[in-house]
Amino acid sequence: MSRAQSQGLPTLLAAVVMSVCASARAEGPGIRNGDIVVHPQATGAVGLDSNVFYEDASETPVNATVTRVGLGVGVENRHPNKVALELGTDAMFRFLFADGDAQTVRSVEARNGFDVAKVDATVGLLPRNPFTLELKLEGNYKDRPAFEDTTEGYQRVEVRPGFDLRFRPGENPDSRPLELRLGYRAQVVRLLDCTALGICAADKTAHQLRFLTSWKFFPKTALSLDARWTLVDFDRNGGAPVAVEGQSGAQNRDGMPVEAALALKGLVTRRISTTLRVGYKNTFNDLGESFSGVIATTEVQYALEPSLKLTVGYNRDARDSSYSNFYALNQAYSTAELYFFGRWNIGGRFGFDSYDFSATAGEATVLPREDPVLTYRVHGGYSPNDWLSARLSFEGENNRTDFFISEGSPSAYHRTVALASIEAKY
């Protein structure tokens, strides 16, 4: 069975959950009590998952009927003066049903329960003053399926607390052209009960310092400089999944990535907007190979309000990995959204992602690995009002890597999920 997601690759399941949760962009008036507004939300979806365990076609993928139920709440204060509050929480539950032998049914049904849970909170002190302190907390929990003979799977917990100190000179907080921002984030990642799957090497603790300066020199155009320094500490170094036979060495994947990027974002014409971001990054790994090179993002969007939005983009970055020191990521994508009759919309996304893993995990040499992943999505929806929406979607992810976790266990897979969903965000 394939275990692509245990190597840190984005999975179709996460994309589908995000698609379901984001099906309605607008929200209702909420429940108000003075300045506090509470937005309860609920989501329901039913559909078909064509490849529950991310298996290659040679392994006879298991399909299942999937049902998802989600609940959440958002809280904010409408007229912040001394303190601004934004809080969002949501949780998704999944229920899968499959035909087949008893072992297959048990393996599929072992996935029933929590899917994802998220929290995102910001408390801003003196939000309208030139100096503002924002306290941040992000957290998410993912329950992912078991593979091979393991019936419990693993649970991933990530917590990111931190703060941003912002300086925006000027009298009017809504039209301040200059911003200087100093930020800090801590990151703690834990894979619970990971020993059975041999993926404890993904546990890590990181600390990041960020300096951002932004200047708005046209009404909807901004130039920014973003510099970041990160200390990455993998708590359980070692245990790289696939090492070259006869090779050995310390598998310390810790590093101190440094990056700086200059970005220009704004309107070219009334209908065309662009994002251009170019910079340099070095992962400065303690041992073995480090990434050193250009990182970049470019995106062009054409908008014919309120009916049409077309986007094409490209992104290049380098990120730490539980397989090797890092992987170089190249992404190309295009999206389209068409709105008509006031309440209807159709759209889609097509993308190609390339994950090129480094040749070493610390001093140890690992087998070469490159994952080319094709992703696609089409959807259509209807919103009878501002807080209720229904959607049909079909999404796919096709990983055509020739990498093998072990003999007879390819990492390649093709997975599709078709869903009918409804969301209410009052």
Protein backbone atom coordinates (compact mmCIF):
# COMPACT_ATOMS: atom_id res chain seq x y z
CA MET A 1 0.00 0.00 0.00
CA SER A 2 1.18 3.51 -0.73
CA ARG A 3 2.18 5.83 2.05
CA ALA A 4 2.72 9.08 0.21
CA GLN A 5 1.15 11.31 2.82
CA SER A 6 3.49 10.04 5.53
CA GLN A 7 6.30 11.74 3.60
CA GLY A 8 4.78 15.19 3.98
CA LEU A 9 2.99 15.48 0.61
CA PRO A 10 -0.32 17.35 0.46
CA THR A 11 -3.14 14.85 0.16
CA LEU A 12 -6.35 14.93 -1.79
CA LEU A 13 -8.30 14.28 1.39
CA ALA A 14 -7.11 17.54 2.93
CA ALA A 15 -7.95 19.40 -0.27
CA VAL A 16 -11.43 17.91 -0.34
CA VAL A 17 -12.08 18.84 3.28
CA MET A 18 -10.93 22.39 2.58
CA SER A 19 -13.16 22.49 -0.49
CA VAL A 20 -16.18 21.38 1.51
CA CYS A 21 -15.47 23.81 4.33
CA ALA A 22 -14.92 26.70 1.91
CA SER A 23 -17.93 26.06 -0.32
CA ALA A 24 -19.67 29.20 0.90
CA ARG A 25 -17.56 32.34 0.83
CA ALA A 26 -20.19 34.58 2.36
CA GLU A 27 -21.70 34.40 5.82
CA GLY A 28 -24.91 35.41 7.48
CA PRO A 29 -25.56 38.20 9.97
CA GLY A 30 -24.58 36.02 12.91
CA ILE A 31 -25.88 36.09 16.46
CA ARG A 32 -25.09 39.48 18.00
CA ASN A 33 -24.59 40.46 21.60
CA GLY A 34 -23.34 44.03 21.79
CA ASP A 35 -20.11 44.22 19.77
CA ILE A 36 -19.66 40.44 19.77
CA VAL A 37 -20.89 38.52 16.72
CA VAL A 38 -21.05 34.71 16.70
CA HIS A 39 -21.26 32.84 13.38
CA PRO A 40 -22.26 29.17 13.84
CA GLN A 41 -21.72 26.88 10.88
CA ALA A 42 -22.51 23.32 9.84
CA THR A 43 -21.49 21.19 6.86
CA GLY A 44 -22.74 17.90 5.46
CA ALA A 45 -21.37 15.92 2.52
CA VAL A 46 -21.83 12.52 0.92
CA GLY A 47 -19.91 10.96 -1.94
CA LEU A 48 -17.51 8.30 -3.22
CA ASP A 49 -13.78 7.89 -2.50
CA SER A 50 -12.13 5.81 -5.23
CA ASN A 51 -8.89 5.02 -3.38
CA VAL A 52 -9.13 5.06 0.40
CA PHE A 53 -5.54 3.90 1.05
CA TYR A 54 -3.65 5.74 -1.72
CA GLU A 55 -2.81 2.51 -3.52
CA ASP A 56 -1.27 2.00 -6.93
CA ALA A 57 -3.48 0.49 -9.65
CA SER A 58 -1.48 -2.76 -9.36
CA GLU A 59 -2.64 -3.13 -5.74
CA THR A 60 -6.40 -3.11 -6.42
CA PRO A 61 -7.43 0.16 -4.72
CA VAL A 62 -10.29 0.04 -2.24
CA ASN A 63 -13.21 2.42 -2.81
CA ALA A 64 -15.79 3.47 -0.24
CA THR A 65 -18.85 5.60 0.26
CA VAL A 66 -17.95 8.59 2.40
CA THR A 67 -20.12 10.81 4.58
CA ARG A 68 -18.79 13.92 6.31
CA VAL A 69 -20.37 16.08 8.99
CA GLY A 70 -18.76 19.30 10.14
CA LEU A 71 -19.47 21.83 12.89
CA GLY A 72 -17.82 25.14 13.61
CA VAL A 73 -18.15 28.60 15.07
CA GLY A 74 -16.63 32.00 14.38
CA VAL A 75 -16.46 34.89 16.87
CA GLU A 76 -15.48 38.50 16.28
CA ASN A 77 -16.11 41.96 17.68
CA ARG A 78 -17.54 44.45 15.20
CA HIS A 79 -16.07 47.74 16.42
CA PRO A 80 -12.68 47.02 18.00
CA ASN A 81 -11.06 49.92 19.80
CA LYS A 82 -8.66 48.69 22.45
CA VAL A 83 -8.98 44.95 21.75
CA ALA A 84 -9.84 43.15 18.51
CA LEU A 85 -10.92 39.51 18.60
CA GLU A 86 -11.16 36.94 15.81
CA LEU A 87 -11.74 33.27 16.57
CA GLY A 88 -12.55 30.44 14.22
CA THR A 89 -12.92 26.76 15.08
CA ASP A 90 -14.29 23.83 13.11
CA ALA A 91 -14.20 20.06 13.17
CA MET A 92 -15.03 17.46 10.52
CA PHE A 93 -16.13 13.88 11.16
CA ARG A 94 -16.01 11.12 8.55
CA PHE A 95 -17.89 7.87 8.09
CA LEU A 96 -16.87 5.36 5.41
CA PHE A 97 -18.65 2.23 4.19
CA ALA A 98 -17.06 -0.39 1.91
CA ASP A 99 -17.90 -3.76 0.41
CA GLY A 100 -15.48 -6.66 0.29
CA ASP A 101 -13.87 -9.17 2.63
CA ALA A 102 -13.97 -8.73 6.38
CA GLN A 103 -10.37 -7.47 6.55
CA THR A 104 -11.05 -4.74 4.00
CA VAL A 105 -14.25 -3.66 5.71
CA ARG A 106 -12.49 -3.49 9.09
CA SER A 107 -9.60 -1.46 7.64
CA VAL A 108 -11.96 1.04 6.04
CA GLU A 109 -14.26 1.37 9.03
CA ALA A 110 -11.23 1.93 11.29
CA ARG A 111 -11.04 5.37 9.66
CA ASN A 112 -14.44 6.42 10.97
CA GLY A 113 -14.36 9.27 13.46
CA PHE A 114 -12.49 12.56 13.52
CA ASP A 115 -11.14 13.77 10.20
CA VAL A 116 -9.76 17.23 10.92
CA ALA A 117 -10.15 19.89 13.58
CA LYS A 118 -8.80 23.45 13.39
CA VAL A 119 -8.57 26.56 15.51
CA ASP A 120 -7.39 30.01 14.44
CA ALA A 121 -7.39 32.84 16.98
CA THR A 122 -6.12 36.42 16.92
CA VAL A 123 -6.25 38.97 19.73
CA GLY A 124 -5.19 42.46 18.67
CA LEU A 125 -4.20 45.04 21.29
CA LEU A 126 -4.82 48.70 20.25
CA PRO A 127 -5.82 47.66 16.72
CA ARG A 128 -6.41 51.23 15.48
CA ASN A 129 -3.22 52.70 16.88
CA PRO A 130 0.01 53.04 14.87
CA PHE A 131 1.58 50.40 17.14
CA THR A 132 -0.43 47.18 17.36
CA LEU A 133 0.37 43.88 19.04
CA GLU A 134 -1.38 40.80 17.69
CA LEU A 135 -1.32 37.51 19.58
CA LYS A 136 -1.78 34.48 17.32
CA LEU A 137 -2.68 30.85 17.83
CA GLU A 138 -3.16 28.29 15.05
CA GLY A 139 -3.74 24.62 15.61
CA ASN A 140 -4.92 21.64 13.61
CA TYR A 141 -5.48 17.95 14.14
CA LYS A 142 -5.60 15.32 11.39
CA ASP A 143 -6.51 11.68 11.76
CA ARG A 144 -5.09 9.67 8.89
CA PRO A 145 -5.63 6.03 7.90
CA ALA A 146 -3.57 3.00 8.75
CA PHE A 147 -1.51 1.08 6.22
CA GLU A 148 -0.43 -2.52 5.86
CA ASP A 149 -1.20 -4.47 9.06
CA THR A 150 -1.67 -1.45 11.31
CA THR A 151 -5.32 -0.85 12.11
CA GLU A 152 -5.11 2.39 14.09
CA GLY A 153 -3.31 4.76 11.71
CA TYR A 154 -1.75 7.92 13.04
CA GLN A 155 -2.91 11.28 14.31
CA ARG A 156 -1.06 14.50 13.47
CA VAL A 157 -1.20 17.47 15.84
CA GLU A 158 0.28 20.85 14.95
CA VAL A 159 0.28 23.97 17.15
CA ARG A 160 1.60 27.39 16.06
CA PRO A 161 1.52 30.13 18.73
CA GLY A 162 3.17 33.50 18.17
CA PHE A 163 2.80 37.25 17.84
CA ASP A 164 3.10 40.13 15.36
CA LEU A 165 4.23 43.61 16.37
CA ARG A 166 2.99 46.04 13.70
CA PHE A 167 3.86 49.69 13.13
CA ARG A 168 1.61 51.61 10.69
CA PRO A 169 2.13 55.39 10.93
CA GLY A 170 -0.78 57.66 10.07
CA GLU A 171 -4.06 58.91 11.48
CA ASN A 172 -6.49 56.77 9.48
CA PRO A 173 -6.00 53.03 10.16
CA ASP A 174 -7.82 52.16 6.93
CA SER A 175 -5.45 54.10 4.65
CA ARG A 176 -1.96 53.80 6.10
CA PRO A 177 0.53 53.31 3.25
CA LEU A 178 3.49 51.97 5.26
CA GLU A 179 3.74 48.96 7.56
CA LEU A 180 6.68 47.48 9.45
CA ARG A 181 6.03 44.11 11.08
CA LEU A 182 8.12 41.93 13.36
CA GLY A 183 6.72 38.47 14.00
CA TYR A 184 7.50 35.24 15.79
CA ARG A 185 5.99 31.78 15.41
CA ALA A 186 6.68 28.57 17.25
CA GLN A 187 5.67 25.29 15.61
CA VAL A 188 5.22 21.95 17.34
CA VAL A 189 4.34 18.88 15.23
CA ARG A 190 3.59 15.52 16.80
CA LEU A 191 2.47 12.26 15.19
CA LEU A 192 0.63 10.36 17.90
CA ASP A 193 1.15 6.60 18.08
CA CYS A 194 3.61 6.87 15.21
CA THR A 195 5.91 4.02 16.28
CA ALA A 196 3.88 1.29 14.55
CA LEU A 197 4.20 3.05 11.20
CA GLY A 198 7.84 4.04 11.62
CA ILE A 199 7.16 7.73 10.93
CA CYS A 200 8.20 9.29 14.24
CA ALA A 201 11.01 11.04 12.39
CA ALA A 202 8.40 13.61 11.31
CA ASP A 203 8.03 14.99 14.86
CA LYS A 204 9.59 18.45 15.00
CA THR A 205 9.81 21.76 16.84
CA ALA A 206 10.53 24.99 14.98
CA HIS A 207 10.94 28.68 15.78
CA GLN A 208 10.62 31.41 13.17
CA LEU A 209 11.41 35.12 13.20
CA ARG A 210 9.95 37.26 10.43
CA PHE A 211 10.42 40.86 9.35
CA LEU A 212 8.00 42.32 6.83
CA THR A 213 7.86 45.82 5.40
CA SER A 214 5.04 46.81 3.06
CA TRP A 215 4.42 50.04 1.15
CA LYS A 216 1.16 50.84 -0.65
CA PHE A 217 2.00 53.37 -3.33
CA PHE A 218 -1.19 53.07 -5.40
CA PRO A 219 -4.73 52.47 -4.09
CA LYS A 220 -4.52 48.73 -4.76
CA THR A 221 -0.79 48.12 -5.30
CA ALA A 222 1.83 47.23 -2.70
CA LEU A 223 5.56 46.52 -2.61
CA SER A 224 6.87 44.33 0.22
CA LEU A 225 10.09 42.84 1.55
CA ASP A 226 9.73 39.63 3.55
CA ALA A 227 12.70 38.14 5.46
CA ARG A 228 12.51 34.97 7.60
CA TRP A 229 14.86 32.97 9.77
CA THR A 230 13.77 29.57 11.10
CA LEU A 231 15.31 27.05 13.48
CA VAL A 232 14.07 23.53 12.66
CA ASP A 233 14.65 20.76 15.18
CA PHE A 234 13.46 17.26 14.29
CA ASP A 235 12.88 15.70 17.68
CA ARG A 236 13.53 12.14 16.54
CA ASN A 237 16.25 12.35 13.93
CA GLY A 238 17.01 9.10 12.20
CA GLY A 239 14.87 6.40 10.68
CA ALA A 240 14.89 7.64 7.09
CA PRO A 241 12.48 5.26 5.34
CA VAL A 242 14.71 4.16 2.46
CA ALA A 243 18.49 4.38 2.64
CA VAL A 244 20.85 3.25 -0.11
CA GLU A 245 22.18 -0.21 0.70
CA GLY A 246 25.60 -0.08 2.32
CA GLN A 247 25.29 3.63 3.15
CA SER A 248 25.21 4.90 6.70
CA GLY A 249 25.69 8.08 8.68
CA ALA A 250 23.99 10.39 11.12
CA GLN A 251 20.48 11.17 9.91
CA ASN A 252 20.27 14.62 11.45
CA ARG A 253 17.82 16.66 9.30
CA ASP A 254 17.88 19.78 11.51
CA GLY A 255 18.50 23.11 9.81
CA MET A 256 18.31 26.90 9.99
CA PRO A 257 16.51 28.06 6.82
CA VAL A 258 16.98 31.71 5.84
CA GLU A 259 14.97 33.40 3.11
CA ALA A 260 14.30 36.89 1.79
CA ALA A 261 11.87 37.85 -0.96
CA LEU A 262 10.71 41.02 -2.68
CA ALA A 263 7.08 41.08 -3.82
CA LEU A 264 4.92 43.36 -5.93
CA LYS A 265 1.17 42.87 -5.85
CA GLY A 266 -1.50 45.02 -7.44
CA LEU A 267 -3.58 46.04 -10.42
CA VAL A 268 -2.19 46.34 -13.94
CA THR A 269 -5.56 47.38 -15.36
CA ARG A 270 -9.05 47.51 -13.87
CA ARG A 271 -9.46 43.80 -14.68
CA ILE A 272 -5.94 42.36 -14.49
CA SER A 273 -3.99 41.96 -11.25
CA THR A 274 -0.59 40.39 -10.70
CA THR A 275 1.54 38.99 -7.91
CA LEU A 276 5.30 38.83 -8.51
CA ARG A 277 7.53 37.51 -5.73
CA VAL A 278 11.23 36.65 -6.13
CA GLY A 279 13.73 35.79 -3.45
CA TYR A 280 16.53 33.56 -2.22
CA LYS A 281 16.46 30.69 0.27
CA ASN A 282 19.07 28.52 1.93
CA THR A 283 18.02 25.70 4.26
CA PHE A 284 21.45 25.52 5.99
CA ASN A 285 21.03 21.91 7.08
CA ASP A 286 23.36 20.80 9.87
CA LEU A 287 24.54 17.74 7.94
CA GLY A 288 24.39 16.69 4.32
CA GLU A 289 22.90 18.57 1.39
CA SER A 290 21.26 22.00 1.74
CA PHE A 291 18.97 23.81 -0.67
CA SER A 292 20.38 27.07 -2.00
CA GLY A 293 18.55 28.88 -4.75
CA VAL A 294 15.78 31.07 -6.05
CA ILE A 295 12.25 30.95 -4.67
CA ALA A 296 9.46 32.63 -6.58
CA THR A 297 5.73 33.11 -6.97
CA THR A 298 3.99 34.63 -9.94
CA GLU A 299 0.25 34.89 -10.49
CA VAL A 300 -1.95 36.71 -12.96
CA GLN A 301 -5.68 37.12 -12.42
CA TYR A 302 -8.31 38.42 -14.81
CA ALA A 303 -11.58 39.47 -13.19
CA LEU A 304 -14.75 40.58 -14.93
CA GLU A 305 -16.77 41.52 -11.87
CA PRO A 306 -19.04 40.04 -10.76
CA SER A 307 -19.19 37.21 -13.30
CA LEU A 308 -15.76 35.77 -14.07
CA LYS A 309 -12.36 35.15 -12.50
CA LEU A 310 -9.44 33.46 -14.29
CA THR A 311 -6.08 32.78 -12.63
CA VAL A 312 -2.76 31.25 -13.72
CA GLY A 313 0.23 30.92 -11.42
CA TYR A 314 3.56 29.34 -10.61
CA ASN A 315 5.31 28.75 -7.29
CA ARG A 316 8.80 27.53 -6.38
CA ASP A 317 9.93 26.83 -2.82
CA ALA A 318 11.96 24.45 -0.65
CA ARG A 319 10.59 22.82 2.52
CA ASP A 320 11.81 20.42 5.19
CA SER A 321 10.86 16.77 4.87
CA SER A 322 10.56 13.65 7.00
CA TYR A 323 12.16 11.63 4.17
CA SER A 324 15.28 13.67 3.47
CA ASN A 325 16.81 17.05 4.32
CA PHE A 326 14.34 18.94 2.12
CA TYR A 327 12.30 18.81 -1.05
CA ALA A 328 12.21 21.40 -3.83
CA LEU A 329 8.64 22.22 -4.79
CA ASN A 330 7.55 23.50 -8.20
CA GLN A 331 3.84 24.18 -8.76
CA ALA A 332 1.94 25.40 -11.81
CA TYR A 333 -1.82 25.93 -11.71
CA SER A 334 -4.81 27.57 -13.30
CA THR A 335 -8.29 28.27 -11.92
CA ALA A 336 -11.59 29.52 -13.30
CA GLU A 337 -14.78 30.69 -11.58
CA LEU A 338 -17.96 31.70 -13.39
CA TYR A 339 -20.92 33.27 -11.55
CA PHE A 340 -24.32 33.61 -13.19
CA PHE A 341 -27.98 34.27 -12.41
CA GLY A 342 -26.91 35.86 -9.15
CA ARG A 343 -26.75 32.66 -7.12
CA TRP A 344 -25.09 30.01 -9.31
CA ASN A 345 -21.43 29.29 -9.97
CA ILE A 346 -19.23 26.74 -11.71
CA GLY A 347 -15.47 26.48 -11.64
CA GLY A 348 -12.40 24.35 -11.63
CA ARG A 349 -8.70 24.05 -10.96
CA PHE A 350 -5.92 22.25 -12.80
CA GLY A 351 -2.43 21.94 -11.35
CA PHE A 352 0.87 20.15 -11.64
CA ASP A 353 3.20 19.81 -8.63
CA SER A 354 6.73 18.43 -8.64
CA TYR A 355 8.37 17.30 -5.38
CA ASP A 356 12.12 16.71 -5.80
CA PHE A 357 13.62 15.26 -2.60
CA SER A 358 17.25 15.84 -1.66
CA ALA A 359 19.72 12.96 -1.89
CA THR A 360 20.62 12.91 1.80
CA ALA A 361 19.00 12.67 5.22
CA GLY A 362 21.76 14.19 7.28
CA GLU A 363 24.89 12.27 6.32
CA ALA A 364 22.92 9.22 5.15
CA THR A 365 22.26 8.79 1.43
CA VAL A 366 18.65 7.98 0.55
CA LEU A 367 17.18 6.57 -2.61
CA PRO A 368 16.43 9.19 -5.29
CA ARG A 369 12.85 10.34 -5.17
CA GLU A 370 10.80 12.72 -7.31
CA ASP A 371 7.00 12.85 -7.17
CA PRO A 372 5.16 14.43 -10.12
CA VAL A 373 1.56 15.03 -9.01
CA LEU A 374 -1.32 16.07 -11.25
CA THR A 375 -4.35 17.59 -9.50
CA TYR A 376 -7.72 18.65 -10.88
CA ARG A 377 -11.11 19.78 -9.62
CA VAL A 378 -14.44 20.81 -11.09
CA HIS A 379 -17.39 22.07 -9.08
CA GLY A 380 -20.74 23.76 -9.31
CA GLY A 381 -22.86 25.37 -6.65
CA TYR A 382 -25.99 27.30 -5.75
CA SER A 383 -26.49 29.80 -2.91
CA PRO A 384 -30.13 30.70 -2.19
CA ASN A 385 -28.94 33.36 0.29
CA ASP A 386 -25.78 34.76 1.87
CA TRP A 387 -25.32 32.01 4.44
CA LEU A 388 -26.49 28.79 2.77
CA SER A 389 -24.92 27.00 -0.20
CA ALA A 390 -24.97 23.62 -1.94
CA ARG A 391 -22.20 22.21 -4.11
CA LEU A 392 -21.28 19.27 -6.34
CA SER A 393 -17.56 18.61 -6.76
CA PHE A 394 -15.22 16.11 -8.36
CA GLU A 395 -11.53 16.13 -7.44
CA GLY A 396 -8.57 14.01 -8.42
CA GLU A 397 -4.92 13.56 -7.56
CA ASN A 398 -2.55 11.45 -9.66
CA ASN A 399 0.95 10.80 -8.29
CA ARG A 400 3.05 9.16 -11.01
CA THR A 401 6.27 8.65 -9.05
CA ASP A 402 8.36 5.55 -9.72
CA PHE A 403 9.51 5.48 -6.08
CA PHE A 404 8.94 2.38 -3.93
CA ILE A 405 8.71 2.50 -0.13
CA SER A 406 9.70 -1.17 -0.15
CA GLU A 407 9.70 -4.00 -2.66
CA GLY A 408 6.19 -4.47 -4.02
CA SER A 409 4.91 -1.28 -2.35
CA PRO A 410 4.85 1.60 -4.87
CA SER A 411 4.16 5.17 -3.81
CA ALA A 412 2.26 6.01 -7.01
CA TYR A 413 -1.51 6.36 -6.76
CA HIS A 414 -4.53 7.88 -8.49
CA ARG A 415 -7.40 8.98 -6.30
CA THR A 416 -10.69 10.72 -6.98
CA VAL A 417 -13.43 11.94 -4.65
CA ALA A 418 -16.91 12.96 -5.78
CA LEU A 419 -19.01 14.86 -3.25
CA ALA A 420 -22.40 16.50 -2.86
CA SER A 421 -22.27 18.97 0.03
CA ILE A 422 -24.30 21.63 1.77
CA GLU A 423 -22.99 24.29 4.14
CA ALA A 424 -24.68 26.82 6.39
CA LYS A 425 -22.69 29.67 7.93
CA TYR A 426 -25.09 31.99 9.69
